[in-house]
Amino acid sequence: MKWRSTTGAEGARNKTRNKAQELKGQIKEATGRATGNPRLKAQGRADQTKANLKQAAEKIKDAFRLKR
């Protein structure tokens, strides 16, 4: 049985995008906190949560990837 998964380069690219989204969320949250904007703060938290879920999915895919 052959598992279909992302290639090494594609997986690395996804991980980089997820980390960038997490950092963007941290910046939004900090800006919202500094300016007293609860909506921006919430958007930042949502971005971070979304990025963390994507990172968890990548780790699960890596764990189930068949070794050659």
N, C-alpha and C. Protein backbone atom coordinates (compact mmCIF):
# COMPACT_ATOMS: atom_id res chain seq x y z
N MET A 1 0.85 -1.17 0.00
CA MET A 1 0.00 0.00 0.00
C MET A 1 0.90 1.24 0.00
N LYS A 2 0.56 2.17 -0.84
CA LYS A 2 1.36 3.38 -0.96
C LYS A 2 0.54 4.57 -0.47
N TRP A 3 1.10 5.31 0.44
CA TRP A 3 0.42 6.49 0.97
C TRP A 3 0.73 7.67 0.08
N ARG A 4 -0.29 8.48 -0.18
CA ARG A 4 -0.07 9.71 -0.94
C ARG A 4 0.12 10.83 0.07
N SER A 5 1.22 11.49 -0.03
CA SER A 5 1.49 12.58 0.90
C SER A 5 2.26 13.66 0.17
N THR A 6 2.49 14.75 0.86
CA THR A 6 3.21 15.85 0.25
C THR A 6 4.68 15.49 0.13
N THR A 7 5.31 16.07 -0.84
CA THR A 7 6.74 15.85 -1.00
C THR A 7 7.49 16.65 0.05
N GLY A 8 8.76 16.42 0.16
CA GLY A 8 9.56 17.11 1.16
C GLY A 8 9.53 18.62 0.98
N ALA A 9 9.66 19.06 -0.27
CA ALA A 9 9.66 20.50 -0.53
C ALA A 9 8.29 21.12 -0.26
N GLU A 10 7.25 20.41 -0.67
CA GLU A 10 5.89 20.93 -0.45
C GLU A 10 5.56 20.97 1.04
N GLY A 11 5.97 19.95 1.77
CA GLY A 11 5.74 19.92 3.20
C GLY A 11 6.47 21.05 3.92
N ALA A 12 7.70 21.31 3.50
CA ALA A 12 8.47 22.40 4.10
C ALA A 12 7.82 23.74 3.79
N ARG A 13 7.30 23.88 2.58
CA ARG A 13 6.64 25.12 2.18
C ARG A 13 5.37 25.33 3.03
N ASN A 14 4.62 24.25 3.25
CA ASN A 14 3.41 24.36 4.08
C ASN A 14 3.77 24.74 5.51
N LYS A 15 4.82 24.15 6.04
CA LYS A 15 5.23 24.46 7.41
C LYS A 15 5.66 25.93 7.54
N THR A 16 6.34 26.42 6.50
CA THR A 16 6.77 27.82 6.51
C THR A 16 5.57 28.75 6.47
N ARG A 17 4.59 28.43 5.61
CA ARG A 17 3.38 29.24 5.53
C ARG A 17 2.63 29.25 6.86
N ASN A 18 2.54 28.09 7.49
CA ASN A 18 1.83 28.00 8.77
C ASN A 18 2.52 28.85 9.83
N LYS A 19 3.84 28.80 9.87
CA LYS A 19 4.59 29.58 10.85
C LYS A 19 4.41 31.08 10.59
N ALA A 20 4.41 31.47 9.31
CA ALA A 20 4.20 32.87 8.95
C ALA A 20 2.81 33.33 9.38
N GLN A 21 1.80 32.48 9.20
CA GLN A 21 0.45 32.82 9.61
C GLN A 21 0.37 32.95 11.13
N GLU A 22 1.09 32.10 11.83
CA GLU A 22 1.10 32.18 13.30
C GLU A 22 1.73 33.51 13.75
N LEU A 23 2.84 33.88 13.14
CA LEU A 23 3.50 35.14 13.50
C LEU A 23 2.63 36.34 13.16
N LYS A 24 1.94 36.28 12.03
CA LYS A 24 1.01 37.34 11.64
C LYS A 24 -0.09 37.48 12.69
N GLY A 25 -0.57 36.34 13.18
CA GLY A 25 -1.59 36.36 14.22
C GLY A 25 -1.08 36.98 15.51
N GLN A 26 0.16 36.68 15.85
CA GLN A 26 0.74 37.25 17.07
C GLN A 26 0.87 38.77 16.94
N ILE A 27 1.25 39.22 15.76
CA ILE A 27 1.37 40.67 15.53
C ILE A 27 0.00 41.33 15.61
N LYS A 28 -1.01 40.72 14.99
CA LYS A 28 -2.37 41.27 15.04
C LYS A 28 -2.87 41.34 16.48
N GLU A 29 -2.65 40.26 17.22
CA GLU A 29 -3.13 40.23 18.61
C GLU A 29 -2.45 41.31 19.44
N ALA A 30 -1.14 41.46 19.28
CA ALA A 30 -0.40 42.47 20.04
C ALA A 30 -0.85 43.88 19.65
N THR A 31 -1.08 44.09 18.37
CA THR A 31 -1.55 45.40 17.91
C THR A 31 -2.94 45.70 18.47
N GLY A 32 -3.80 44.69 18.44
CA GLY A 32 -5.14 44.86 19.00
C GLY A 32 -5.11 45.16 20.48
N ARG A 33 -4.21 44.49 21.18
CA ARG A 33 -4.08 44.72 22.63
C ARG A 33 -3.56 46.14 22.89
N ALA A 34 -2.57 46.56 22.09
CA ALA A 34 -1.95 47.88 22.29
C ALA A 34 -2.91 49.03 21.96
N THR A 35 -3.74 48.81 20.94
CA THR A 35 -4.66 49.87 20.52
C THR A 35 -6.02 49.78 21.19
N GLY A 36 -6.25 48.71 21.93
CA GLY A 36 -7.54 48.53 22.57
C GLY A 36 -8.63 48.09 21.60
N ASN A 37 -8.22 47.46 20.51
CA ASN A 37 -9.16 47.00 19.48
C ASN A 37 -9.44 45.51 19.70
N PRO A 38 -10.59 45.17 20.31
CA PRO A 38 -10.88 43.77 20.61
C PRO A 38 -11.07 42.91 19.35
N ARG A 39 -11.57 43.52 18.27
CA ARG A 39 -11.78 42.76 17.03
C ARG A 39 -10.44 42.31 16.43
N LEU A 40 -9.47 43.22 16.39
CA LEU A 40 -8.15 42.89 15.85
C LEU A 40 -7.46 41.85 16.73
N LYS A 41 -7.62 41.99 18.03
CA LYS A 41 -7.05 41.02 18.97
C LYS A 41 -7.65 39.64 18.74
N ALA A 42 -8.95 39.57 18.54
CA ALA A 42 -9.62 38.29 18.29
C ALA A 42 -9.19 37.69 16.95
N GLN A 43 -9.03 38.53 15.94
CA GLN A 43 -8.57 38.04 14.63
C GLN A 43 -7.17 37.45 14.75
N GLY A 44 -6.33 38.08 15.54
CA GLY A 44 -4.99 37.57 15.76
C GLY A 44 -4.99 36.22 16.43
N ARG A 45 -5.84 36.06 17.44
CA ARG A 45 -5.96 34.76 18.10
C ARG A 45 -6.48 33.70 17.15
N ALA A 46 -7.45 34.08 16.31
CA ALA A 46 -8.01 33.13 15.34
C ALA A 46 -6.95 32.70 14.34
N ASP A 47 -6.14 33.64 13.86
CA ASP A 47 -5.06 33.30 12.93
C ASP A 47 -4.08 32.32 13.57
N GLN A 48 -3.75 32.56 14.83
CA GLN A 48 -2.81 31.68 15.53
C GLN A 48 -3.39 30.28 15.69
N THR A 49 -4.67 30.21 16.06
CA THR A 49 -5.32 28.92 16.24
C THR A 49 -5.36 28.15 14.93
N LYS A 50 -5.71 28.83 13.87
CA LYS A 50 -5.77 28.20 12.55
C LYS A 50 -4.39 27.67 12.15
N ALA A 51 -3.36 28.45 12.37
CA ALA A 51 -2.00 28.03 12.03
C ALA A 51 -1.59 26.82 12.88
N ASN A 52 -1.93 26.84 14.15
CA ASN A 52 -1.58 25.72 15.03
C ASN A 52 -2.28 24.43 14.60
N LEU A 53 -3.53 24.54 14.17
CA LEU A 53 -4.25 23.36 13.69
C LEU A 53 -3.61 22.81 12.42
N LYS A 54 -3.21 23.70 11.54
CA LYS A 54 -2.54 23.27 10.31
C LYS A 54 -1.20 22.60 10.63
N GLN A 55 -0.48 23.15 11.60
CA GLN A 55 0.80 22.56 11.98
C GLN A 55 0.58 21.17 12.58
N ALA A 56 -0.47 21.01 13.36
CA ALA A 56 -0.78 19.69 13.94
C ALA A 56 -1.11 18.70 12.83
N ALA A 57 -1.84 19.14 11.83
CA ALA A 57 -2.17 18.25 10.71
C ALA A 57 -0.91 17.83 9.96
N GLU A 58 0.02 18.74 9.78
CA GLU A 58 1.29 18.41 9.12
C GLU A 58 2.06 17.36 9.93
N LYS A 59 2.06 17.51 11.24
CA LYS A 59 2.76 16.55 12.10
C LYS A 59 2.11 15.17 12.02
N ILE A 60 0.79 15.15 11.96
CA ILE A 60 0.09 13.87 11.83
C ILE A 60 0.42 13.21 10.50
N LYS A 61 0.42 14.01 9.43
CA LYS A 61 0.78 13.47 8.12
C LYS A 61 2.20 12.91 8.13
N ASP A 62 3.10 13.63 8.78
CA ASP A 62 4.49 13.17 8.86
C ASP A 62 4.59 11.85 9.64
N ALA A 63 3.79 11.73 10.69
CA ALA A 63 3.84 10.53 11.52
C ALA A 63 3.35 9.30 10.76
N PHE A 64 2.38 9.47 9.88
CA PHE A 64 1.83 8.35 9.14
C PHE A 64 2.47 8.12 7.77
N ARG A 65 3.42 8.95 7.43
CA ARG A 65 4.09 8.80 6.16
C ARG A 65 4.94 7.53 6.18
N LEU A 66 4.85 6.73 5.16
CA LEU A 66 5.64 5.51 5.09
C LEU A 66 7.11 5.86 4.85
N LYS A 67 7.95 5.21 5.57
CA LYS A 67 9.39 5.39 5.40
C LYS A 67 9.86 4.47 4.30
N ARG A 68 10.76 4.94 3.48
CA ARG A 68 11.28 4.11 2.38
C ARG A 68 12.60 3.52 2.74
